[in-house]
């Protein structure tokens, strides 16, 4: 079973089997979605080793929470939400750790190859400023901005993940950009 094959029936069979106690039936789900989960984790962590560990944690969490999967959405959408929550938890944990250690380790974690300290500072300040502007958006707008600009999802992918029509995604992105422009976050 590979992602995108239209194997929802196979997925549902696997999920029902796992719920019935056949834990080995979770393996095809892991195989089908490990690349997607890893990519999302890598976007958050920017570290392949940490992303692998986090992806493994996502699948452990998904396995233990599979009873909460409702069949009114696709498994990939549910798993994406589990992944997103796990990544946000990881980010919060990192922020607490960085605050505790001080900003020295935080700066080292953000260091990009080939950047001067000045470039790192400007990039860090810019990311922080943009994130503050995005955080000021109301939720439907904030969510589509994050999915489109930070997670690089297409309109169709955003529509599938959020359950809203593609035209609504387009209009929410348009309104979000207008709001960001008013906040000073988007320059023409």
Protein backbone atom coordinates (compact mmCIF):
# COMPACT_ATOMS: atom_id res chain seq x y z
CA UNK A 1 0.00 0.00 0.00
CA UNK A 2 1.53 3.27 -1.08
CA UNK A 3 0.39 6.77 -0.41
CA UNK A 4 -1.87 8.18 -3.07
CA UNK A 5 -2.92 4.79 -4.48
CA UNK A 6 -6.48 5.24 -3.28
CA UNK A 7 -6.05 2.42 -0.81
CA UNK A 8 -8.50 3.75 1.78
CA UNK A 9 -10.16 0.34 2.09
CA UNK A 10 -6.79 -1.30 2.77
CA UNK A 11 -6.01 1.42 5.31
CA UNK A 12 -9.34 0.91 7.03
CA UNK A 13 -8.76 -2.85 7.09
CA UNK A 14 -5.35 -2.27 8.69
CA UNK A 15 -6.81 0.14 11.24
CA UNK A 16 -9.65 -2.24 12.15
CA UNK A 17 -7.14 -5.09 12.49
CA UNK A 18 -4.91 -3.01 14.77
CA UNK A 19 -7.93 -2.11 16.89
CA UNK A 20 -8.76 -5.82 17.07
CA UNK A 21 -5.30 -6.56 18.50
CA UNK A 22 -3.30 -7.41 15.38
CA UNK A 23 -0.55 -4.84 15.94
CA UNK A 24 1.55 -6.13 13.02
CA UNK A 25 -1.08 -4.64 10.67
CA UNK A 26 0.19 -1.17 11.63
CA UNK A 27 3.39 -1.79 9.61
CA UNK A 28 1.79 -1.14 6.17
CA UNK A 29 0.52 2.21 7.44
CA UNK A 30 4.01 3.14 8.61
CA UNK A 31 5.46 2.12 5.24
CA UNK A 32 2.85 4.10 3.34
CA UNK A 33 3.30 7.34 5.29
CA UNK A 34 6.83 7.33 6.69
CA UNK A 35 8.13 9.66 3.97
CA UNK A 36 5.34 12.21 4.54
CA UNK A 37 5.80 12.15 8.31
CA UNK A 38 9.58 12.44 8.00
CA UNK A 39 9.29 15.45 5.63
CA UNK A 40 7.03 17.31 8.04
CA UNK A 41 9.34 16.52 10.96
CA UNK A 42 12.38 17.60 8.96
CA UNK A 43 10.74 20.95 8.14
CA UNK A 44 10.25 21.57 11.85
CA UNK A 45 13.60 20.31 13.12
CA UNK A 46 15.94 21.01 10.18
CA UNK A 47 17.96 18.08 11.48
CA UNK A 48 17.70 14.65 9.79
CA UNK A 49 18.60 12.66 12.91
CA UNK A 50 16.14 14.52 15.12
CA UNK A 51 13.50 14.28 12.37
CA UNK A 52 13.92 10.48 12.26
CA UNK A 53 13.50 10.24 16.04
CA UNK A 54 10.51 12.54 15.98
CA UNK A 55 8.92 10.58 13.10
CA UNK A 56 9.33 7.40 15.13
CA UNK A 57 7.64 9.13 18.07
CA UNK A 58 4.81 10.19 15.75
CA UNK A 59 4.13 6.60 14.72
CA UNK A 60 4.27 5.41 18.33
CA UNK A 61 1.77 8.12 19.26
CA UNK A 62 -0.41 7.24 16.25
CA UNK A 63 -0.35 3.55 17.19
CA UNK A 64 -1.39 4.26 20.77
CA UNK A 65 -4.02 6.80 19.65
CA UNK A 66 -5.45 4.91 16.70
CA UNK A 67 -8.67 4.34 18.63
CA UNK A 68 -9.31 8.10 18.26
CA UNK A 69 -9.20 7.92 14.45
CA UNK A 70 -12.62 8.77 13.08
CA UNK A 71 -13.37 7.49 9.63
CA UNK A 72 -14.94 10.80 8.58
CA UNK A 73 -11.53 11.95 7.35
CA UNK A 74 -8.71 10.15 5.62
CA UNK A 75 -6.02 8.41 7.62
CA UNK A 76 -3.39 10.68 6.03
CA UNK A 77 -5.21 13.78 7.30
CA UNK A 78 -5.48 12.32 10.81
CA UNK A 79 -1.81 11.26 10.75
CA UNK A 80 -0.77 14.69 9.50
CA UNK A 81 -2.56 16.25 12.49
CA UNK A 82 -0.83 13.81 14.89
CA UNK A 83 2.49 14.71 13.23
CA UNK A 84 1.82 18.42 13.43
CA UNK A 85 0.89 18.25 17.12
CA UNK A 86 3.98 16.15 17.90
CA UNK A 87 6.20 18.64 16.02
CA UNK A 88 4.63 21.58 17.84
CA UNK A 89 5.19 19.78 21.15
CA UNK A 90 8.83 19.24 20.14
CA UNK A 91 9.20 22.92 19.23
CA UNK A 92 7.69 24.03 22.57
CA UNK A 93 10.03 21.68 24.39
CA UNK A 94 13.00 23.09 22.47
CA UNK A 95 11.94 26.64 23.27
CA UNK A 96 11.70 25.84 26.98
CA UNK A 97 15.09 24.16 26.85
CA UNK A 98 16.64 27.08 24.95
CA UNK A 99 15.20 29.57 27.41
CA UNK A 100 16.56 27.53 30.28
CA UNK A 101 20.03 27.24 28.78
CA UNK A 102 20.06 30.77 27.50
CA UNK A 103 20.29 31.98 23.96
CA UNK A 104 23.80 30.60 23.34
CA UNK A 105 22.59 27.10 22.47
CA UNK A 106 19.61 28.48 20.58
CA UNK A 107 21.88 30.47 18.30
CA UNK A 108 24.05 27.41 17.71
CA UNK A 109 21.00 25.32 16.77
CA UNK A 110 19.88 27.96 14.26
CA UNK A 111 23.29 28.24 12.61
CA UNK A 112 23.16 27.67 8.87
CA UNK A 113 26.16 26.54 6.83
CA UNK A 114 28.04 29.43 5.24
CA UNK A 115 26.18 32.21 7.05
CA UNK A 116 28.08 34.92 8.84
CA UNK A 117 27.00 35.75 12.40
CA UNK A 118 25.41 38.94 11.06
CA UNK A 119 23.38 37.00 8.47
CA UNK A 120 22.32 34.53 11.13
CA UNK A 121 21.11 37.36 13.34
CA UNK A 122 19.20 39.06 10.52
CA UNK A 123 17.63 35.75 9.46
CA UNK A 124 16.71 34.92 13.04
CA UNK A 125 15.16 38.35 13.58
CA UNK A 126 13.28 38.15 10.27
CA UNK A 127 11.93 34.67 11.04
CA UNK A 128 10.88 35.84 14.49
CA UNK A 129 9.19 38.95 13.08
CA UNK A 130 7.34 37.04 10.35
CA UNK A 131 6.26 34.40 12.86
CA UNK A 132 4.89 37.11 15.16
CA UNK A 133 2.86 38.56 12.29
CA UNK A 134 1.54 35.14 11.33
CA UNK A 135 0.68 34.40 14.97
CA UNK A 136 -1.48 37.55 15.02
CA UNK A 137 -3.72 36.17 12.27
CA UNK A 138 -7.03 34.56 13.24
CA UNK A 139 -6.97 30.77 13.08
CA UNK A 140 -8.35 29.89 9.66
CA UNK A 141 -5.97 32.39 8.07
CA UNK A 142 -3.01 31.42 10.26
CA UNK A 143 -3.48 27.73 9.46
CA UNK A 144 -3.55 28.16 5.67
CA UNK A 145 -0.54 30.53 5.76
CA UNK A 146 1.50 28.02 7.75
CA UNK A 147 0.51 25.14 5.48
CA UNK A 148 1.15 27.12 2.28
CA UNK A 149 4.29 29.11 3.11
CA UNK A 150 5.99 27.08 5.84
CA UNK A 151 4.92 23.52 4.95
CA UNK A 152 4.88 24.21 1.18
CA UNK A 153 1.51 22.53 0.64
CA UNK A 154 -0.49 23.10 -2.54
CA UNK A 155 -4.03 24.48 -2.45
CA UNK A 156 -5.33 20.94 -3.00
CA UNK A 157 -3.23 19.55 -0.14
CA UNK A 158 -4.41 22.32 2.18
CA UNK A 159 -7.99 21.61 1.16
CA UNK A 160 -7.56 17.91 1.97
CA UNK A 161 -5.82 18.55 5.29
CA UNK A 162 -8.26 21.17 6.52
CA UNK A 163 -11.43 19.89 4.91
CA UNK A 164 -12.25 23.24 3.28
CA UNK A 165 -12.83 23.79 -0.44
CA UNK A 166 -9.91 24.89 -2.64
CA UNK A 167 -11.63 28.22 -3.44
CA UNK A 168 -11.94 28.90 0.29
CA UNK A 169 -8.22 28.15 0.70
CA UNK A 170 -7.47 30.68 -2.06
CA UNK A 171 -9.67 33.38 -0.52
CA UNK A 172 -8.29 32.76 2.98
CA UNK A 173 -4.72 33.08 1.67
CA UNK A 174 -5.66 36.30 -0.14
CA UNK A 175 -7.23 37.75 3.02
CA UNK A 176 -4.31 36.58 5.15
CA UNK A 177 -1.81 38.29 2.81
CA UNK A 178 -3.85 41.48 2.99
CA UNK A 179 -3.86 41.32 6.80
CA UNK A 180 -0.11 40.62 6.85
CA UNK A 181 0.45 43.58 4.55
CA UNK A 182 -1.43 45.76 7.03
CA UNK A 183 0.75 44.40 9.83
CA UNK A 184 3.84 45.18 7.75
CA UNK A 185 4.62 41.54 7.10
CA UNK A 186 4.36 41.39 3.31
CA UNK A 187 6.29 43.75 1.11
CA UNK A 188 5.41 44.16 -2.55
